[in-house]
Amino acid sequence: MTGAPQVDFALDTYECIVLYPGAAGRALPAETVQRLQAEHLAHMQALQRRGIILVNGSVDGPAREPDPPIGFGLAHTGSVDDVRSVMEADPAVQAGLYRVDVLTFLCPAGSLEFPLVKTQS
């Protein structure tokens, strides 16, 4: 699908972050993986504190092989490129433990709430 669907109701637009295992992940020593995972979590928490990431988390369970997603997130910046840029700055992405894709996510306006995101006044 390219562009916004033609619907008779308002849409909210978000940036959907999809995290996959990276090519280097299997070759990295366990200590390096642990360190990168901790750095990844710190990076994501910092992005959430800055209001860039609204929600994020990992996924588990059966999925299509060979490269099932391992995490998702939503941002609301108005720019897929900006979100991709901050995600590519993630130390775990830079090291190849993870790879990331950022897509546009559309849903009916007002259908999502993020109670953990503090409203700035």
C-alpha atoms as a PDB file:
ATOM      1  CA  MET A   1       0.000   0.000   0.000  1.00  0.00           C
ATOM      2  CA  THR A   2       1.333   3.385  -0.921  1.00  0.00           C
ATOM      3  CA  GLY A   3      -0.058   6.556   0.617  1.00  0.00           C
ATOM      4  CA  ALA A   4      -3.012   6.988   2.939  1.00  0.00           C
ATOM      5  CA  PRO A   5      -6.068   4.842   2.263  1.00  0.00           C
ATOM      6  CA  GLN A   6      -9.201   6.606   1.101  1.00  0.00           C
ATOM      7  CA  VAL A   7     -11.554   6.364   4.085  1.00  0.00           C
ATOM      8  CA  ASP A   8     -14.458   8.450   5.336  1.00  0.00           C
ATOM      9  CA  PHE A   9     -12.954   9.019   8.788  1.00  0.00           C
ATOM     10  CA  ALA A  10      -9.891  10.757  10.178  1.00  0.00           C
ATOM     11  CA  LEU A  11      -6.627   8.877  10.545  1.00  0.00           C
ATOM     12  CA  ASP A  12      -3.768   9.245  13.001  1.00  0.00           C
ATOM     13  CA  THR A  13      -0.296   8.644  11.588  1.00  0.00           C
ATOM     14  CA  TYR A  14       2.494   7.047  13.597  1.00  0.00           C
ATOM     15  CA  GLU A  15       5.913   5.645  12.820  1.00  0.00           C
ATOM     16  CA  CYS A  16       6.030   1.889  13.419  1.00  0.00           C
ATOM     17  CA  ILE A  17       9.437   0.587  14.460  1.00  0.00           C
ATOM     18  CA  VAL A  18      10.139  -3.078  13.694  1.00  0.00           C
ATOM     19  CA  LEU A  19      13.237  -4.668  15.197  1.00  0.00           C
ATOM     20  CA  TYR A  20      14.759  -7.843  13.743  1.00  0.00           C
ATOM     21  CA  PRO A  21      17.750  -9.984  14.691  1.00  0.00           C
ATOM     22  CA  GLY A  22      20.854  -8.562  13.053  1.00  0.00           C
ATOM     23  CA  ALA A  23      23.335 -10.396  10.875  1.00  0.00           C
ATOM     24  CA  ALA A  24      26.148 -10.141  13.438  1.00  0.00           C
ATOM     25  CA  GLY A  25      24.062 -11.249  16.416  1.00  0.00           C
ATOM     26  CA  ARG A  26      24.860 -14.956  16.288  1.00  0.00           C
ATOM     27  CA  ALA A  27      28.602 -14.342  15.987  1.00  0.00           C
ATOM     28  CA  LEU A  28      28.909 -11.961  18.930  1.00  0.00           C
ATOM     29  CA  PRO A  29      30.206 -13.246  22.285  1.00  0.00           C
ATOM     30  CA  ALA A  30      27.568 -13.618  25.006  1.00  0.00           C
ATOM     31  CA  GLU A  31      29.130 -10.806  27.086  1.00  0.00           C
ATOM     32  CA  THR A  32      28.926  -8.444  24.105  1.00  0.00           C
ATOM     33  CA  VAL A  33      25.297  -9.390  23.476  1.00  0.00           C
ATOM     34  CA  GLN A  34      24.422  -8.678  27.125  1.00  0.00           C
ATOM     35  CA  ARG A  35      26.176  -5.306  27.013  1.00  0.00           C
ATOM     36  CA  LEU A  36      24.499  -4.345  23.718  1.00  0.00           C
ATOM     37  CA  GLN A  37      21.077  -5.377  25.000  1.00  0.00           C
ATOM     38  CA  ALA A  38      21.559  -3.157  28.060  1.00  0.00           C
ATOM     39  CA  GLU A  39      22.689  -0.282  25.836  1.00  0.00           C
ATOM     40  CA  HIS A  40      19.671  -0.870  23.566  1.00  0.00           C
ATOM     41  CA  LEU A  41      17.293  -0.678  26.542  1.00  0.00           C
ATOM     42  CA  ALA A  42      18.948   2.520  27.761  1.00  0.00           C
ATOM     43  CA  HIS A  43      18.696   4.018  24.253  1.00  0.00           C
ATOM     44  CA  MET A  44      14.989   3.163  24.009  1.00  0.00           C
ATOM     45  CA  GLN A  45      14.279   4.541  27.502  1.00  0.00           C
ATOM     46  CA  ALA A  46      16.057   7.780  26.584  1.00  0.00           C
ATOM     47  CA  LEU A  47      13.976   8.084  23.407  1.00  0.00           C
ATOM     48  CA  GLN A  48      10.811   7.503  25.417  1.00  0.00           C
ATOM     49  CA  ARG A  49      11.820  10.132  28.010  1.00  0.00           C
ATOM     50  CA  ARG A  50      12.440  12.579  25.157  1.00  0.00           C
ATOM     51  CA  GLY A  51       8.927  11.875  23.827  1.00  0.00           C
ATOM     52  CA  ILE A  52      10.109  10.315  20.565  1.00  0.00           C
ATOM     53  CA  ILE A  53       9.014   6.753  21.315  1.00  0.00           C
ATOM     54  CA  LEU A  54       5.471   6.359  22.664  1.00  0.00           C
ATOM     55  CA  VAL A  55       5.597   2.642  23.384  1.00  0.00           C
ATOM     56  CA  ASN A  56       7.984  -0.216  22.647  1.00  0.00           C
ATOM     57  CA  GLY A  57       8.544  -3.791  23.623  1.00  0.00           C
ATOM     58  CA  SER A  58       9.661  -7.218  22.552  1.00  0.00           C
ATOM     59  CA  VAL A  59       7.618  -9.952  20.923  1.00  0.00           C
ATOM     60  CA  ASP A  60       7.869 -13.690  21.327  1.00  0.00           C
ATOM     61  CA  GLY A  61       6.194 -16.672  19.777  1.00  0.00           C
ATOM     62  CA  PRO A  62       5.914 -18.412  16.437  1.00  0.00           C
ATOM     63  CA  ALA A  63       6.387 -16.173  13.439  1.00  0.00           C
ATOM     64  CA  ARG A  64       7.430 -16.486   9.853  1.00  0.00           C
ATOM     65  CA  GLU A  65      10.964 -17.615   9.340  1.00  0.00           C
ATOM     66  CA  PRO A  66      13.733 -16.975   8.644  1.00  0.00           C
ATOM     67  CA  ASP A  67      13.704 -13.498  10.124  1.00  0.00           C
ATOM     68  CA  PRO A  68      10.799 -12.918  12.534  1.00  0.00           C
ATOM     69  CA  PRO A  69      10.517  -9.537  14.227  1.00  0.00           C
ATOM     70  CA  ILE A  70      11.671  -9.443  17.843  1.00  0.00           C
ATOM     71  CA  GLY A  71      10.376  -6.009  18.832  1.00  0.00           C
ATOM     72  CA  PHE A  72       7.950  -3.252  17.913  1.00  0.00           C
ATOM     73  CA  GLY A  73       7.474   0.357  18.847  1.00  0.00           C
ATOM     74  CA  LEU A  74       5.435   3.390  17.904  1.00  0.00           C
ATOM     75  CA  ALA A  75       6.593   6.961  17.569  1.00  0.00           C
ATOM     76  CA  HIS A  76       4.631  10.083  16.669  1.00  0.00           C
ATOM     77  CA  THR A  77       7.093  12.565  15.198  1.00  0.00           C
ATOM     78  CA  GLY A  78       5.707  12.992  11.690  1.00  0.00           C
ATOM     79  CA  SER A  79       8.901  11.717  10.088  1.00  0.00           C
ATOM     80  CA  VAL A  80       9.804   8.118   9.273  1.00  0.00           C
ATOM     81  CA  ASP A  81      13.301   9.325   8.347  1.00  0.00           C
ATOM     82  CA  ASP A  82      13.828  11.044  11.724  1.00  0.00           C
ATOM     83  CA  VAL A  83      12.726   7.945  13.632  1.00  0.00           C
ATOM     84  CA  ARG A  84      14.881   5.722  11.421  1.00  0.00           C
ATOM     85  CA  SER A  85      17.836   7.995  12.155  1.00  0.00           C
ATOM     86  CA  VAL A  86      17.471   7.791  15.953  1.00  0.00           C
ATOM     87  CA  MET A  87      16.926   4.049  15.753  1.00  0.00           C
ATOM     88  CA  GLU A  88      20.014   3.553  13.602  1.00  0.00           C
ATOM     89  CA  ALA A  89      21.962   5.370  16.346  1.00  0.00           C
ATOM     90  CA  ASP A  90      21.057   2.526  18.746  1.00  0.00           C
ATOM     91  CA  PRO A  91      24.346   0.863  19.784  1.00  0.00           C
ATOM     92  CA  ALA A  92      22.863  -2.615  19.251  1.00  0.00           C
ATOM     93  CA  VAL A  93      21.774  -1.709  15.721  1.00  0.00           C
ATOM     94  CA  GLN A  94      25.167  -0.190  14.942  1.00  0.00           C
ATOM     95  CA  ALA A  95      26.897  -3.359  16.183  1.00  0.00           C
ATOM     96  CA  GLY A  96      24.668  -5.600  14.062  1.00  0.00           C
ATOM     97  CA  LEU A  97      22.902  -7.313  16.968  1.00  0.00           C
ATOM     98  CA  TYR A  98      19.617  -5.911  15.652  1.00  0.00           C
ATOM     99  CA  ARG A  99      18.429  -4.357  12.424  1.00  0.00           C
ATOM    100  CA  VAL A 100      15.547  -1.929  12.233  1.00  0.00           C
ATOM    101  CA  ASP A 101      12.877  -0.857   9.805  1.00  0.00           C
ATOM    102  CA  VAL A 102      10.501   2.059  10.247  1.00  0.00           C
ATOM    103  CA  LEU A 103       7.138   2.153   8.495  1.00  0.00           C
ATOM    104  CA  THR A 104       4.135   4.442   8.525  1.00  0.00           C
ATOM    105  CA  PHE A 105       1.265   3.136  10.655  1.00  0.00           C
ATOM    106  CA  LEU A 106      -2.242   4.524  10.118  1.00  0.00           C
ATOM    107  CA  CYS A 107      -5.224   3.941  12.393  1.00  0.00           C
ATOM    108  CA  PRO A 108      -8.588   5.587  13.103  1.00  0.00           C
ATOM    109  CA  ALA A 109      -8.017   8.925  14.824  1.00  0.00           C
ATOM    110  CA  GLY A 110      -8.183   8.713  18.605  1.00  0.00           C
ATOM    111  CA  SER A 111      -8.077   4.905  18.711  1.00  0.00           C
ATOM    112  CA  LEU A 112      -4.751   4.707  20.560  1.00  0.00           C
ATOM    113  CA  GLU A 113      -3.815   6.080  23.964  1.00  0.00           C
ATOM    114  CA  PHE A 114      -0.436   6.098  25.656  1.00  0.00           C
ATOM    115  CA  PRO A 115      -1.012   6.580  29.389  1.00  0.00           C
ATOM    116  CA  LEU A 116       2.691   6.352  30.237  1.00  0.00           C
ATOM    117  CA  VAL A 117       3.553   9.307  27.989  1.00  0.00           C
ATOM    118  CA  LYS A 118       3.546  12.489  30.009  1.00  0.00           C
ATOM    119  CA  THR A 119       1.711  15.407  28.450  1.00  0.00           C
ATOM    120  CA  GLN A 120       3.907  18.480  28.229  1.00  0.00           C
ATOM    121  CA  SER A 121       2.118  21.697  29.178  1.00  0.00           C
END
